[in-house]
PDB file of N, CA and C in Angstrom:
ATOM      1  N   MET A   1     134.416  96.348  91.650  1.00  0.00           N
ATOM      2  CA  MET A   1     135.882  95.576  92.087  1.00  0.00           C
ATOM      3  C   MET A   1     136.973  96.350  91.534  1.00  0.00           C
ATOM      4  N   ALA A   2     138.008  96.394  92.601  1.00  0.00           N
ATOM      5  CA  ALA A   2     139.100  97.068  91.911  1.00  0.00           C
ATOM      6  C   ALA A   2     140.116  96.047  91.259  1.00  0.00           C
ATOM      7  N   PHE A   3     141.121  96.399  90.946  1.00  0.00           N
ATOM      8  CA  PHE A   3     142.010  95.842  90.133  1.00  0.00           C
ATOM      9  C   PHE A   3     142.832  95.030  90.958  1.00  0.00           C
ATOM     10  N   ALA A   4     142.867  93.427  90.700  1.00  0.00           N
ATOM     11  CA  ALA A   4     143.281  92.613  91.528  1.00  0.00           C
ATOM     12  C   ALA A   4     144.872  92.226  90.745  1.00  0.00           C
ATOM     13  N   GLN A   5     145.893  92.585  91.506  1.00  0.00           N
ATOM     14  CA  GLN A   5     147.163  92.122  91.068  1.00  0.00           C
ATOM     15  C   GLN A   5     147.429  90.655  90.827  1.00  0.00           C
ATOM     16  N   LYS A   6     146.819  89.801  91.652  1.00  0.00           N
ATOM     17  CA  LYS A   6     146.889  88.285  91.521  1.00  0.00           C
ATOM     18  C   LYS A   6     146.302  87.678  90.194  1.00  0.00           C
ATOM     19  N   ASN A   7     145.514  88.420  89.533  1.00  0.00           N
ATOM     20  CA  ASN A   7     144.921  88.019  88.390  1.00  0.00           C
ATOM     21  C   ASN A   7     145.737  88.713  87.021  1.00  0.00           C
ATOM     22  N   LEU A   8     146.602  89.400  87.130  1.00  0.00           N
ATOM     23  CA  LEU A   8     147.755  89.916  86.053  1.00  0.00           C
ATOM     24  C   LEU A   8     148.734  89.034  85.781  1.00  0.00           C
ATOM     25  N   THR A   9     148.849  88.307  84.889  1.00  0.00           N
ATOM     26  CA  THR A   9     149.908  87.432  84.743  1.00  0.00           C
ATOM     27  C   THR A   9     151.025  87.645  83.410  1.00  0.00           C
ATOM     28  N   CYS A  10     152.119  87.936  83.519  1.00  0.00           N
ATOM     29  CA  CYS A  10     152.689  87.934  82.210  1.00  0.00           C
ATOM     30  C   CYS A  10     153.110  86.782  81.575  1.00  0.00           C
ATOM     31  N   VAL A  11     152.847  86.382  80.466  1.00  0.00           N
ATOM     32  CA  VAL A  11     152.743  85.136  79.769  1.00  0.00           C
ATOM     33  C   VAL A  11     153.916  85.029  78.777  1.00  0.00           C
ATOM     34  N   ASP A  12     154.335  86.195  78.303  1.00  0.00           N
ATOM     35  CA  ASP A  12     155.485  86.421  77.483  1.00  0.00           C
ATOM     36  C   ASP A  12     156.084  87.583  77.122  1.00  0.00           C
ATOM     37  N   SER A  13     157.311  87.773  77.028  1.00  0.00           N
ATOM     38  CA  SER A  13     157.896  89.026  76.906  1.00  0.00           C
ATOM     39  C   SER A  13     159.143  88.866  75.612  1.00  0.00           C
ATOM     40  N   GLY A  14     159.136  89.822  74.976  1.00  0.00           N
ATOM     41  CA  GLY A  14     160.323  89.892  74.024  1.00  0.00           C
ATOM     42  C   GLY A  14     160.647  91.154  73.554  1.00  0.00           C
ATOM     43  N   GLY A  15     161.940  91.641  73.377  1.00  0.00           N
ATOM     44  CA  GLY A  15     162.245  93.076  73.097  1.00  0.00           C
ATOM     45  C   GLY A  15     161.839  93.628  73.979  1.00  0.00           C
ATOM     46  N   ASP A  16     161.149  94.831  73.791  1.00  0.00           N
ATOM     47  CA  ASP A  16     160.753  95.796  74.630  1.00  0.00           C
ATOM     48  C   ASP A  16     159.180  95.832  75.345  1.00  0.00           C
ATOM     49  N   ASN A  17     158.556  94.867  74.701  1.00  0.00           N
ATOM     50  CA  ASN A  17     157.063  94.313  75.028  1.00  0.00           C
ATOM     51  C   ASN A  17     156.781  93.228  75.608  1.00  0.00           C
ATOM     52  N   SER A  18     155.781  92.999  76.236  1.00  0.00           N
ATOM     53  CA  SER A  18     155.228  91.950  77.194  1.00  0.00           C
ATOM     54  C   SER A  18     153.792  91.685  76.702  1.00  0.00           C
ATOM     55  N   LEU A  19     153.231  90.329  77.123  1.00  0.00           N
ATOM     56  CA  LEU A  19     151.824  90.054  76.801  1.00  0.00           C
ATOM     57  C   LEU A  19     151.422  89.591  78.234  1.00  0.00           C
ATOM     58  N   PHE A  20     150.439  90.094  78.559  1.00  0.00           N
ATOM     59  CA  PHE A  20     149.921  89.891  80.117  1.00  0.00           C
ATOM     60  C   PHE A  20     148.391  89.391  79.944  1.00  0.00           C
ATOM     61  N   LEU A  21     147.863  88.388  80.813  1.00  0.00           N
ATOM     62  CA  LEU A  21     146.869  87.995  80.787  1.00  0.00           C
ATOM     63  C   LEU A  21     145.867  88.429  81.902  1.00  0.00           C
ATOM     64  N   TYR A  22     144.769  88.817  82.218  1.00  0.00           N
ATOM     65  CA  TYR A  22     144.013  89.449  83.061  1.00  0.00           C
ATOM     66  C   TYR A  22     142.734  88.961  83.023  1.00  0.00           C
ATOM     67  N   THR A  23     142.173  88.387  84.315  1.00  0.00           N
ATOM     68  CA  THR A  23     140.667  87.935  84.266  1.00  0.00           C
ATOM     69  C   THR A  23     140.189  88.732  85.311  1.00  0.00           C
ATOM     70  N   THR A  24     138.808  89.054  85.580  1.00  0.00           N
ATOM     71  CA  THR A  24     138.134  89.871  86.334  1.00  0.00           C
ATOM     72  C   THR A  24     136.750  89.853  86.102  1.00  0.00           C
ATOM     73  N   THR A  25     135.741  90.006  86.990  1.00  0.00           N
ATOM     74  CA  THR A  25     134.372  89.953  86.903  1.00  0.00           C
ATOM     75  C   THR A  25     133.567  91.164  86.756  1.00  0.00           C
ATOM     76  N   VAL A  26     134.648  92.375  86.771  1.00  0.00           N
ATOM     77  CA  VAL A  26     134.106  93.596  86.544  1.00  0.00           C
ATOM     78  C   VAL A  26     133.824  93.943  84.901  1.00  0.00           C
ATOM     79  N   ASP A  27     132.952  94.891  84.697  1.00  0.00           N
ATOM     80  CA  ASP A  27     132.627  95.166  83.445  1.00  0.00           C
ATOM     81  C   ASP A  27     133.984  95.700  82.646  1.00  0.00           C
ATOM     82  N   ASP A  28     133.833  95.823  81.337  1.00  0.00           N
ATOM     83  CA  ASP A  28     134.993  96.305  80.427  1.00  0.00           C
ATOM     84  C   ASP A  28     134.949  97.787  80.743  1.00  0.00           C
ATOM     85  N   THR A  29     134.085  98.588  80.839  1.00  0.00           N
ATOM     86  CA  THR A  29     134.202  99.942  80.868  1.00  0.00           C
ATOM     87  C   THR A  29     134.988 100.254  82.138  1.00  0.00           C
ATOM     88  N   THR A  30     134.879  99.744  83.480  1.00  0.00           N
ATOM     89  CA  THR A  30     135.658  99.650  84.345  1.00  0.00           C
ATOM     90  C   THR A  30     137.018  99.496  84.150  1.00  0.00           C
ATOM     91  N   VAL A  31     137.443  98.517  83.585  1.00  0.00           N
ATOM     92  CA  VAL A  31     138.832  98.190  83.360  1.00  0.00           C
ATOM     93  C   VAL A  31     139.140  99.340  82.312  1.00  0.00           C
ATOM     94  N   GLU A  32     138.614  99.578  81.453  1.00  0.00           N
ATOM     95  CA  GLU A  32     138.992 100.843  80.698  1.00  0.00           C
ATOM     96  C   GLU A  32     139.298 102.187  81.229  1.00  0.00           C
ATOM     97  N   THR A  33     138.772 102.170  82.464  1.00  0.00           N
ATOM     98  CA  THR A  33     139.013 103.512  83.226  1.00  0.00           C
ATOM     99  C   THR A  33     140.511 103.861  83.282  1.00  0.00           C
ATOM    100  N   PRO A  34     141.005 105.046  82.926  1.00  0.00           N
ATOM    101  CA  PRO A  34     142.289 105.591  83.337  1.00  0.00           C
ATOM    102  C   PRO A  34     142.437 105.074  84.716  1.00  0.00           C
ATOM    103  N   ASP A  35     143.870 104.718  85.070  1.00  0.00           N
ATOM    104  CA  ASP A  35     144.148 104.332  86.386  1.00  0.00           C
ATOM    105  C   ASP A  35     144.064 103.029  87.044  1.00  0.00           C
ATOM    106  N   TYR A  36     143.096 102.314  86.352  1.00  0.00           N
ATOM    107  CA  TYR A  36     142.576 100.933  86.754  1.00  0.00           C
ATOM    108  C   TYR A  36     143.635 100.204  87.225  1.00  0.00           C
ATOM    109  N   PHE A  37     144.821 100.192  86.136  1.00  0.00           N
ATOM    110  CA  PHE A  37     146.001  99.120  86.307  1.00  0.00           C
ATOM    111  C   PHE A  37     146.891  99.988  87.284  1.00  0.00           C
ATOM    112  N   LEU A  38     146.695 101.060  87.802  1.00  0.00           N
ATOM    113  CA  LEU A  38     147.980 102.240  88.270  1.00  0.00           C
ATOM    114  C   LEU A  38     148.667 101.103  89.320  1.00  0.00           C
ATOM    115  N   SER A  39     148.403 100.571  90.265  1.00  0.00           N
ATOM    116  CA  SER A  39     149.117  99.725  91.075  1.00  0.00           C
ATOM    117  C   SER A  39     150.097  98.557  90.359  1.00  0.00           C
ATOM    118  N   ALA A  40     149.851  98.546  89.102  1.00  0.00           N
ATOM    119  CA  ALA A  40     150.828  97.536  88.308  1.00  0.00           C
ATOM    120  C   ALA A  40     151.653  98.363  87.573  1.00  0.00           C
ATOM    121  N   TYR A  41     151.592  99.923  87.831  1.00  0.00           N
ATOM    122  CA  TYR A  41     152.453 100.575  86.795  1.00  0.00           C
ATOM    123  C   TYR A  41     154.009 100.064  86.697  1.00  0.00           C
ATOM    124  N   ALA A  42     154.696  99.742  87.530  1.00  0.00           N
ATOM    125  CA  ALA A  42     156.009  98.974  87.469  1.00  0.00           C
ATOM    126  C   ALA A  42     156.242  97.901  86.883  1.00  0.00           C
ATOM    127  N   GLN A  43     155.038  97.145  86.495  1.00  0.00           N
ATOM    128  CA  GLN A  43     155.226  95.987  85.561  1.00  0.00           C
ATOM    129  C   GLN A  43     154.698  96.135  84.244  1.00  0.00           C
ATOM    130  N   LEU A  44     153.930  97.120  84.048  1.00  0.00           N
ATOM    131  CA  LEU A  44     153.655  97.527  82.666  1.00  0.00           C
ATOM    132  C   LEU A  44     154.370  98.588  82.039  1.00  0.00           C
ATOM    133  N   ARG A  45     154.497  98.219  80.637  1.00  0.00           N
ATOM    134  CA  ARG A  45     155.139  99.391  79.757  1.00  0.00           C
ATOM    135  C   ARG A  45     154.413  99.803  78.902  1.00  0.00           C
ATOM    136  N   VAL A  46     154.782 101.017  78.319  1.00  0.00           N
ATOM    137  CA  VAL A  46     154.017 101.398  77.047  1.00  0.00           C
ATOM    138  C   VAL A  46     154.422 100.489  75.915  1.00  0.00           C
ATOM    139  N   GLY A  47     153.286  99.967  75.209  1.00  0.00           N
ATOM    140  CA  GLY A  47     153.158  99.042  74.031  1.00  0.00           C
ATOM    141  C   GLY A  47     153.000  97.379  74.534  1.00  0.00           C
ATOM    142  N   ASP A  48     152.983  97.437  75.568  1.00  0.00           N
ATOM    143  CA  ASP A  48     152.703  96.001  76.290  1.00  0.00           C
ATOM    144  C   ASP A  48     151.346  95.896  75.833  1.00  0.00           C
ATOM    145  N   TRP A  49     150.854  94.465  75.927  1.00  0.00           N
ATOM    146  CA  TRP A  49     149.397  94.000  75.509  1.00  0.00           C
ATOM    147  C   TRP A  49     148.780  93.157  76.787  1.00  0.00           C
ATOM    148  N   ILE A  50     147.358  93.388  77.145  1.00  0.00           N
ATOM    149  CA  ILE A  50     146.900  92.840  77.988  1.00  0.00           C
ATOM    150  C   ILE A  50     145.678  92.245  77.153  1.00  0.00           C
ATOM    151  N   LEU A  51     145.618  90.893  77.332  1.00  0.00           N
ATOM    152  CA  LEU A  51     144.502  90.167  77.001  1.00  0.00           C
ATOM    153  C   LEU A  51     143.400  89.830  78.164  1.00  0.00           C
ATOM    154  N   ALA A  52     142.298  90.503  78.238  1.00  0.00           N
ATOM    155  CA  ALA A  52     141.378  90.529  79.658  1.00  0.00           C
ATOM    156  C   ALA A  52     140.266  89.851  79.410  1.00  0.00           C
ATOM    157  N   ASN A  53     139.798  88.964  80.332  1.00  0.00           N
ATOM    158  CA  ASN A  53     138.719  88.235  80.214  1.00  0.00           C
ATOM    159  C   ASN A  53     137.675  89.315  81.156  1.00  0.00           C
ATOM    160  N   VAL A  54     136.646  89.857  80.628  1.00  0.00           N
ATOM    161  CA  VAL A  54     135.773  90.698  81.259  1.00  0.00           C
ATOM    162  C   VAL A  54     134.358  90.491  81.266  1.00  0.00           C
ATOM    163  N   SER A  55     133.561  91.202  81.853  1.00  0.00           N
ATOM    164  CA  SER A  55     132.279  91.103  81.796  1.00  0.00           C
ATOM    165  C   SER A  55     131.494  92.333  80.927  1.00  0.00           C
ATOM    166  N   THR A  56     130.822  91.899  80.226  1.00  0.00           N
ATOM    167  CA  THR A  56     130.174  92.867  79.152  1.00  0.00           C
ATOM    168  C   THR A  56     128.793  92.735  79.387  1.00  0.00           C
ATOM    169  N   GLY A  57     128.170  93.587  79.952  1.00  0.00           N
ATOM    170  CA  GLY A  57     126.567  93.278  80.251  1.00  0.00           C
ATOM    171  C   GLY A  57     126.122  91.976  80.839  1.00  0.00           C
ATOM    172  N   GLY A  58     127.087  91.411  81.826  1.00  0.00           N
ATOM    173  CA  GLY A  58     126.802  90.223  82.578  1.00  0.00           C
ATOM    174  C   GLY A  58     127.394  89.128  81.561  1.00  0.00           C
ATOM    175  N   THR A  59     127.961  89.128  80.592  1.00  0.00           N
ATOM    176  CA  THR A  59     128.248  88.311  79.554  1.00  0.00           C
ATOM    177  C   THR A  59     129.897  88.218  79.585  1.00  0.00           C
ATOM    178  N   ARG A  60     130.496  86.928  79.844  1.00  0.00           N
ATOM    179  CA  ARG A  60     131.980  87.098  79.810  1.00  0.00           C
ATOM    180  C   ARG A  60     132.661  87.470  78.290  1.00  0.00           C
ATOM    181  N   GLU A  61     133.678  88.187  78.243  1.00  0.00           N
ATOM    182  CA  GLU A  61     134.138  88.455  76.772  1.00  0.00           C
ATOM    183  C   GLU A  61     135.397  88.484  76.879  1.00  0.00           C
ATOM    184  N   GLY A  62     136.451  88.218  75.799  1.00  0.00           N
ATOM    185  CA  GLY A  62     137.549  88.478  75.792  1.00  0.00           C
ATOM    186  C   GLY A  62     138.077  89.775  74.790  1.00  0.00           C
ATOM    187  N   LYS A  63     138.753  90.743  75.722  1.00  0.00           N
ATOM    188  CA  LYS A  63     139.340  91.843  75.053  1.00  0.00           C
ATOM    189  C   LYS A  63     140.513  92.204  74.861  1.00  0.00           C
ATOM    190  N   ALA A  64     141.226  92.716  73.919  1.00  0.00           N
ATOM    191  CA  ALA A  64     142.590  92.985  73.829  1.00  0.00           C
ATOM    192  C   ALA A  64     142.926  94.636  74.109  1.00  0.00           C
ATOM    193  N   TYR A  65     143.912  94.944  74.990  1.00  0.00           N
ATOM    194  CA  TYR A  65     144.258  96.259  75.189  1.00  0.00           C
ATOM    195  C   TYR A  65     145.535  96.456  75.010  1.00  0.00           C
ATOM    196  N   ILE A  66     146.078  97.659  74.530  1.00  0.00           N
ATOM    197  CA  ILE A  66     147.478  97.980  74.586  1.00  0.00           C
ATOM    198  C   ILE A  66     147.640  99.230  75.469  1.00  0.00           C
ATOM    199  N   VAL A  67     148.698  99.184  76.157  1.00  0.00           N
ATOM    200  CA  VAL A  67     149.207 100.103  77.435  1.00  0.00           C
ATOM    201  C   VAL A  67     149.651 101.242  76.403  1.00  0.00           C
ATOM    202  N   LEU A  68     149.026 102.511  77.001  1.00  0.00           N
ATOM    203  CA  LEU A  68     149.467 103.812  76.149  1.00  0.00           C
ATOM    204  C   LEU A  68     150.463 104.559  77.183  1.00  0.00           C
ATOM    205  N   THR A  69     149.942 104.614  78.521  1.00  0.00           N
ATOM    206  CA  THR A  69     150.870 105.203  79.389  1.00  0.00           C
ATOM    207  C   THR A  69     151.206 104.193  80.454  1.00  0.00           C
ATOM    208  N   SER A  70     152.266 104.233  81.224  1.00  0.00           N
ATOM    209  CA  SER A  70     152.435 103.824  82.441  1.00  0.00           C
ATOM    210  C   SER A  70     153.645 104.257  83.266  1.00  0.00           C
ATOM    211  N   ALA A  71     153.040 105.093  84.332  1.00  0.00           N
ATOM    212  CA  ALA A  71     153.879 105.609  85.435  1.00  0.00           C
ATOM    213  C   ALA A  71     153.289 105.725  86.821  1.00  0.00           C
ATOM    214  N   SER A  72     154.111 106.150  87.690  1.00  0.00           N
ATOM    215  CA  SER A  72     153.305 106.344  89.133  1.00  0.00           C
ATOM    216  C   SER A  72     152.175 107.257  88.975  1.00  0.00           C
ATOM    217  N   THR A  73     152.253 108.106  88.200  1.00  0.00           N
ATOM    218  CA  THR A  73     151.260 109.192  88.308  1.00  0.00           C
ATOM    219  C   THR A  73     149.875 108.668  87.339  1.00  0.00           C
ATOM    220  N   GLY A  74     150.172 107.413  86.538  1.00  0.00           N
ATOM    221  CA  GLY A  74     148.919 107.409  85.624  1.00  0.00           C
ATOM    222  C   GLY A  74     149.243 106.034  84.858  1.00  0.00           C
ATOM    223  N   VAL A  75     148.166 105.406  84.626  1.00  0.00           N
ATOM    224  CA  VAL A  75     148.456 104.349  83.641  1.00  0.00           C
ATOM    225  C   VAL A  75     147.011 104.254  82.695  1.00  0.00           C
ATOM    226  N   THR A  76     147.107 104.295  81.407  1.00  0.00           N
ATOM    227  CA  THR A  76     146.127 104.454  80.569  1.00  0.00           C
ATOM    228  C   THR A  76     146.106 103.048  79.512  1.00  0.00           C
ATOM    229  N   ILE A  77     145.017 102.647  79.268  1.00  0.00           N
ATOM    230  CA  ILE A  77     144.968 101.482  78.293  1.00  0.00           C
ATOM    231  C   ILE A  77     144.185 102.149  76.981  1.00  0.00           C
ATOM    232  N   LYS A  78     144.232 101.274  76.249  1.00  0.00           N
ATOM    233  CA  LYS A  78     143.055 101.350  74.996  1.00  0.00           C
ATOM    234  C   LYS A  78     143.004  99.953  74.151  1.00  0.00           C
ATOM    235  N   PHE A  79     141.660  99.935  73.971  1.00  0.00           N
ATOM    236  CA  PHE A  79     140.920  98.426  73.525  1.00  0.00           C
ATOM    237  C   PHE A  79     141.699  98.548  72.029  1.00  0.00           C
ATOM    238  N   GLN A  80     142.068  97.642  71.575  1.00  0.00           N
ATOM    239  CA  GLN A  80     142.351  97.255  70.285  1.00  0.00           C
ATOM    240  C   GLN A  80     141.835  96.156  69.629  1.00  0.00           C
ATOM    241  N   SER A  81     141.261  96.484  68.601  1.00  0.00           N
ATOM    242  CA  SER A  81     140.459  95.368  67.892  1.00  0.00           C
ATOM    243  C   SER A  81     141.655  94.529  67.014  1.00  0.00           C
ATOM    244  N   VAL A  82     141.476  92.993  67.164  1.00  0.00           N
ATOM    245  CA  VAL A  82     142.534  92.269  66.528  1.00  0.00           C
ATOM    246  C   VAL A  82     141.866  91.405  65.512  1.00  0.00           C
ATOM    247  N   SER A  83     140.843  91.849  64.986  1.00  0.00           N
ATOM    248  CA  SER A  83     140.215  91.100  63.840  1.00  0.00           C
ATOM    249  C   SER A  83     140.864  91.613  62.569  1.00  0.00           C
TER     250      SER A  83
END
């Protein structure tokens, strides 16, 4: 399943960063693929956080990501442990 803009919501912003929620039925490996969030590049900034509800092996799981790059030529994110 491709990225769904309607499932990405900015829930808070302050200073230079924002916090987004994203929910999908696709697996975390797909979400972590470079450019998965490309169509949202204008909304995302480097350092923003995305809390995602993803599927891992058929089980729903919450994961936290930080935006590493965000431009019309590419968007990359990285899983961040918050424990």
